[in-house]
Amino acid sequence: MADCCDMNVGDVYYCELCKLELAVQNACTCKAGAEDACTVPLMCCNQEMKKK
């Protein structure tokens, strides 16, 4: 699952269906498991995006 707290600057994520690619320019500052951490996976075309 591609949560923002697992993404690093320079990582690229893509959609297997439409081929959209997103590059991480700034890392998230939330901490995994923290109460205010992001919990929604990176989605496109109703499926999770994959790390390239």
PDB file of N, CA and C in Angstrom:
ATOM      1  N   MET A   1       0.854  -1.175   0.000  1.00  0.00           N
ATOM      2  CA  MET A   1       0.000   0.000   0.000  1.00  0.00           C
ATOM      3  C   MET A   1       0.896   1.233   0.000  1.00  0.00           C
ATOM      4  N   ALA A   2       0.647   2.180  -0.864  1.00  0.00           N
ATOM      5  CA  ALA A   2       1.446   3.391  -0.994  1.00  0.00           C
ATOM      6  C   ALA A   2       0.845   4.513  -0.138  1.00  0.00           C
ATOM      7  N   ASP A   3       1.271   4.579   1.125  1.00  0.00           N
ATOM      8  CA  ASP A   3       0.879   5.687   1.991  1.00  0.00           C
ATOM      9  C   ASP A   3       1.949   6.756   1.910  1.00  0.00           C
ATOM     10  N   CYS A   4       1.570   8.011   2.099  1.00  0.00           N
ATOM     11  CA  CYS A   4       2.527   9.101   1.918  1.00  0.00           C
ATOM     12  C   CYS A   4       3.718   9.028   2.878  1.00  0.00           C
ATOM     13  N   CYS A   5       3.542   8.485   4.072  1.00  0.00           N
ATOM     14  CA  CYS A   5       4.668   8.430   5.013  1.00  0.00           C
ATOM     15  C   CYS A   5       5.721   7.416   4.572  1.00  0.00           C
ATOM     16  N   ASP A   6       5.421   6.571   3.588  1.00  0.00           N
ATOM     17  CA  ASP A   6       6.386   5.612   3.056  1.00  0.00           C
ATOM     18  C   ASP A   6       7.078   6.127   1.796  1.00  0.00           C
ATOM     19  N   MET A   7       6.654   7.295   1.310  1.00  0.00           N
ATOM     20  CA  MET A   7       7.190   7.844   0.059  1.00  0.00           C
ATOM     21  C   MET A   7       8.381   8.750   0.347  1.00  0.00           C
ATOM     22  N   ASN A   8       9.374   8.671  -0.520  1.00  0.00           N
ATOM     23  CA  ASN A   8      10.581   9.484  -0.385  1.00  0.00           C
ATOM     24  C   ASN A   8      10.761  10.353  -1.617  1.00  0.00           C
ATOM     25  N   VAL A   9      11.481  11.469  -1.437  1.00  0.00           N
ATOM     26  CA  VAL A   9      11.772  12.358  -2.561  1.00  0.00           C
ATOM     27  C   VAL A   9      12.453  11.546  -3.659  1.00  0.00           C
ATOM     28  N   GLY A  10      11.950  11.699  -4.875  1.00  0.00           N
ATOM     29  CA  GLY A  10      12.508  10.985  -6.015  1.00  0.00           C
ATOM     30  C   GLY A  10      11.762   9.714  -6.383  1.00  0.00           C
ATOM     31  N   ASP A  11      10.932   9.193  -5.461  1.00  0.00           N
ATOM     32  CA  ASP A  11      10.129   8.007  -5.783  1.00  0.00           C
ATOM     33  C   ASP A  11       9.128   8.348  -6.881  1.00  0.00           C
ATOM     34  N   VAL A  12       8.833   7.380  -7.727  1.00  0.00           N
ATOM     35  CA  VAL A  12       7.838   7.550  -8.783  1.00  0.00           C
ATOM     36  C   VAL A  12       6.793   6.461  -8.613  1.00  0.00           C
ATOM     37  N   TYR A  13       5.520   6.859  -8.654  1.00  0.00           N
ATOM     38  CA  TYR A  13       4.399   5.934  -8.559  1.00  0.00           C
ATOM     39  C   TYR A  13       3.610   6.006  -9.851  1.00  0.00           C
ATOM     40  N   TYR A  14       3.075   4.856 -10.283  1.00  0.00           N
ATOM     41  CA  TYR A  14       2.369   4.814 -11.561  1.00  0.00           C
ATOM     42  C   TYR A  14       1.079   4.003 -11.444  1.00  0.00           C
ATOM     43  N   CYS A  15       0.181   4.285 -12.372  1.00  0.00           N
ATOM     44  CA  CYS A  15      -1.086   3.558 -12.479  1.00  0.00           C
ATOM     45  C   CYS A  15      -0.943   2.528 -13.595  1.00  0.00           C
ATOM     46  N   GLU A  16      -1.239   1.281 -13.287  1.00  0.00           N
ATOM     47  CA  GLU A  16      -1.127   0.218 -14.295  1.00  0.00           C
ATOM     48  C   GLU A  16      -2.163   0.350 -15.406  1.00  0.00           C
ATOM     49  N   LEU A  17      -3.286   1.009 -15.134  1.00  0.00           N
ATOM     50  CA  LEU A  17      -4.340   1.116 -16.148  1.00  0.00           C
ATOM     51  C   LEU A  17      -4.136   2.288 -17.102  1.00  0.00           C
ATOM     52  N   CYS A  18      -4.013   3.507 -16.573  1.00  0.00           N
ATOM     53  CA  CYS A  18      -3.933   4.683 -17.448  1.00  0.00           C
ATOM     54  C   CYS A  18      -2.510   5.179 -17.676  1.00  0.00           C
ATOM     55  N   LYS A  19      -1.540   4.584 -16.970  1.00  0.00           N
ATOM     56  CA  LYS A  19      -0.109   4.902 -17.116  1.00  0.00           C
ATOM     57  C   LYS A  19       0.290   6.261 -16.527  1.00  0.00           C
ATOM     58  N   LEU A  20      -0.584   6.891 -15.732  1.00  0.00           N
ATOM     59  CA  LEU A  20      -0.233   8.133 -15.038  1.00  0.00           C
ATOM     60  C   LEU A  20       0.955   7.864 -14.131  1.00  0.00           C
ATOM     61  N   GLU A  21       1.925   8.793 -14.106  1.00  0.00           N
ATOM     62  CA  GLU A  21       3.068   8.683 -13.212  1.00  0.00           C
ATOM     63  C   GLU A  21       3.149   9.937 -12.358  1.00  0.00           C
ATOM     64  N   LEU A  22       3.431   9.741 -11.066  1.00  0.00           N
ATOM     65  CA  LEU A  22       3.598  10.847 -10.136  1.00  0.00           C
ATOM     66  C   LEU A  22       4.948  10.711  -9.453  1.00  0.00           C
ATOM     67  N   ALA A  23       5.710  11.805  -9.436  1.00  0.00           N
ATOM     68  CA  ALA A  23       7.017  11.811  -8.779  1.00  0.00           C
ATOM     69  C   ALA A  23       6.896  12.582  -7.460  1.00  0.00           C
ATOM     70  N   VAL A  24       7.509  12.077  -6.413  1.00  0.00           N
ATOM     71  CA  VAL A  24       7.490  12.725  -5.106  1.00  0.00           C
ATOM     72  C   VAL A  24       8.522  13.851  -5.115  1.00  0.00           C
ATOM     73  N   GLN A  25       8.065  15.085  -4.888  1.00  0.00           N
ATOM     74  CA  GLN A  25       8.927  16.263  -4.866  1.00  0.00           C
ATOM     75  C   GLN A  25       9.297  16.665  -3.444  1.00  0.00           C
ATOM     76  N   ASN A  26       8.364  16.446  -2.501  1.00  0.00           N
ATOM     77  CA  ASN A  26       8.578  16.762  -1.088  1.00  0.00           C
ATOM     78  C   ASN A  26       8.051  15.601  -0.265  1.00  0.00           C
ATOM     79  N   ALA A  27       8.837  15.180   0.709  1.00  0.00           N
ATOM     80  CA  ALA A  27       8.428  14.067   1.562  1.00  0.00           C
ATOM     81  C   ALA A  27       7.383  14.519   2.580  1.00  0.00           C
ATOM     82  N   CYS A  28       6.501  13.617   2.934  1.00  0.00           N
ATOM     83  CA  CYS A  28       5.483  13.867   3.957  1.00  0.00           C
ATOM     84  C   CYS A  28       6.179  13.935   5.324  1.00  0.00           C
ATOM     85  N   THR A  29       5.620  14.724   6.224  1.00  0.00           N
ATOM     86  CA  THR A  29       6.220  14.857   7.552  1.00  0.00           C
ATOM     87  C   THR A  29       5.487  14.043   8.610  1.00  0.00           C
ATOM     88  N   CYS A  30       4.409  13.351   8.242  1.00  0.00           N
ATOM     89  CA  CYS A  30       3.696  12.555   9.240  1.00  0.00           C
ATOM     90  C   CYS A  30       4.473  11.266   9.531  1.00  0.00           C
ATOM     91  N   LYS A  31       4.230  10.687  10.670  1.00  0.00           N
ATOM     92  CA  LYS A  31       4.902   9.461  11.084  1.00  0.00           C
ATOM     93  C   LYS A  31       3.920   8.295  10.989  1.00  0.00           C
ATOM     94  N   ALA A  32       4.339   7.193  10.404  1.00  0.00           N
ATOM     95  CA  ALA A  32       3.492   6.003  10.278  1.00  0.00           C
ATOM     96  C   ALA A  32       3.007   5.560  11.648  1.00  0.00           C
ATOM     97  N   GLY A  33       1.722   5.302  11.777  1.00  0.00           N
ATOM     98  CA  GLY A  33       1.141   4.836  13.025  1.00  0.00           C
ATOM     99  C   GLY A  33       0.758   5.930  13.992  1.00  0.00           C
ATOM    100  N   ALA A  34       1.159   7.158  13.727  1.00  0.00           N
ATOM    101  CA  ALA A  34       0.791   8.275  14.599  1.00  0.00           C
ATOM    102  C   ALA A  34      -0.694   8.585  14.437  1.00  0.00           C
ATOM    103  N   GLU A  35      -1.275   9.191  15.441  1.00  0.00           N
ATOM    104  CA  GLU A  35      -2.715   9.486  15.421  1.00  0.00           C
ATOM    105  C   GLU A  35      -3.109  10.354  14.234  1.00  0.00           C
ATOM    106  N   ASP A  36      -2.254  11.308  13.853  1.00  0.00           N
ATOM    107  CA  ASP A  36      -2.586  12.216  12.749  1.00  0.00           C
ATOM    108  C   ASP A  36      -1.929  11.802  11.426  1.00  0.00           C
ATOM    109  N   ALA A  37      -1.439  10.570  11.340  1.00  0.00           N
ATOM    110  CA  ALA A  37      -0.793  10.093  10.115  1.00  0.00           C
ATOM    111  C   ALA A  37      -1.807   9.907   8.991  1.00  0.00           C
ATOM    112  N   CYS A  38      -1.353  10.104   7.783  1.00  0.00           N
ATOM    113  CA  CYS A  38      -2.193   9.878   6.605  1.00  0.00           C
ATOM    114  C   CYS A  38      -2.490   8.381   6.493  1.00  0.00           C
ATOM    115  N   THR A  39      -3.707   8.034   6.145  1.00  0.00           N
ATOM    116  CA  THR A  39      -4.085   6.625   6.085  1.00  0.00           C
ATOM    117  C   THR A  39      -4.696   6.216   4.750  1.00  0.00           C
ATOM    118  N   VAL A  40      -4.861   7.154   3.838  1.00  0.00           N
ATOM    119  CA  VAL A  40      -5.482   6.845   2.553  1.00  0.00           C
ATOM    120  C   VAL A  40      -4.401   6.497   1.548  1.00  0.00           C
ATOM    121  N   PRO A  41      -4.462   5.329   0.910  1.00  0.00           N
ATOM    122  CA  PRO A  41      -3.444   4.956  -0.075  1.00  0.00           C
ATOM    123  C   PRO A  41      -3.551   5.806  -1.337  1.00  0.00           C
ATOM    124  N   LEU A  42      -2.461   5.932  -2.048  1.00  0.00           N
ATOM    125  CA  LEU A  42      -2.425   6.662  -3.304  1.00  0.00           C
ATOM    126  C   LEU A  42      -3.178   5.844  -4.348  1.00  0.00           C
ATOM    127  N   MET A  43      -4.258   6.410  -4.895  1.00  0.00           N
ATOM    128  CA  MET A  43      -5.138   5.676  -5.807  1.00  0.00           C
ATOM    129  C   MET A  43      -5.274   6.397  -7.150  1.00  0.00           C
ATOM    130  N   CYS A  44      -5.503   5.603  -8.191  1.00  0.00           N
ATOM    131  CA  CYS A  44      -5.823   6.103  -9.523  1.00  0.00           C
ATOM    132  C   CYS A  44      -6.634   5.013 -10.217  1.00  0.00           C
ATOM    133  N   CYS A  45      -7.618   5.383 -11.004  1.00  0.00           N
ATOM    134  CA  CYS A  45      -8.457   4.412 -11.720  1.00  0.00           C
ATOM    135  C   CYS A  45      -9.024   3.365 -10.764  1.00  0.00           C
ATOM    136  N   ASN A  46      -9.345   3.793  -9.555  1.00  0.00           N
ATOM    137  CA  ASN A  46      -9.965   2.943  -8.529  1.00  0.00           C
ATOM    138  C   ASN A  46      -9.073   1.777  -8.086  1.00  0.00           C
ATOM    139  N   GLN A  47      -7.745   1.953  -8.193  1.00  0.00           N
ATOM    140  CA  GLN A  47      -6.810   0.943  -7.693  1.00  0.00           C
ATOM    141  C   GLN A  47      -5.582   1.653  -7.136  1.00  0.00           C
ATOM    142  N   GLU A  48      -4.828   0.942  -6.285  1.00  0.00           N
ATOM    143  CA  GLU A  48      -3.622   1.530  -5.709  1.00  0.00           C
ATOM    144  C   GLU A  48      -2.542   1.695  -6.761  1.00  0.00           C
ATOM    145  N   MET A  49      -1.820   2.826  -6.652  1.00  0.00           N
ATOM    146  CA  MET A  49      -0.699   3.061  -7.553  1.00  0.00           C
ATOM    147  C   MET A  49       0.499   2.244  -7.080  1.00  0.00           C
ATOM    148  N   LYS A  50       1.360   1.873  -7.993  1.00  0.00           N
ATOM    149  CA  LYS A  50       2.531   1.043  -7.710  1.00  0.00           C
ATOM    150  C   LYS A  50       3.791   1.891  -7.748  1.00  0.00           C
ATOM    151  N   LYS A  51       4.774   1.510  -6.927  1.00  0.00           N
ATOM    152  CA  LYS A  51       6.060   2.193  -6.960  1.00  0.00           C
ATOM    153  C   LYS A  51       6.877   1.671  -8.126  1.00  0.00           C
ATOM    154  N   LYS A  52       7.455   2.577  -8.876  1.00  0.00           N
ATOM    155  CA  LYS A  52       8.238   2.215 -10.055  1.00  0.00           C
ATOM    156  C   LYS A  52       9.659   1.865  -9.668  1.00  0.00           C
TER     157      LYS A  52
END
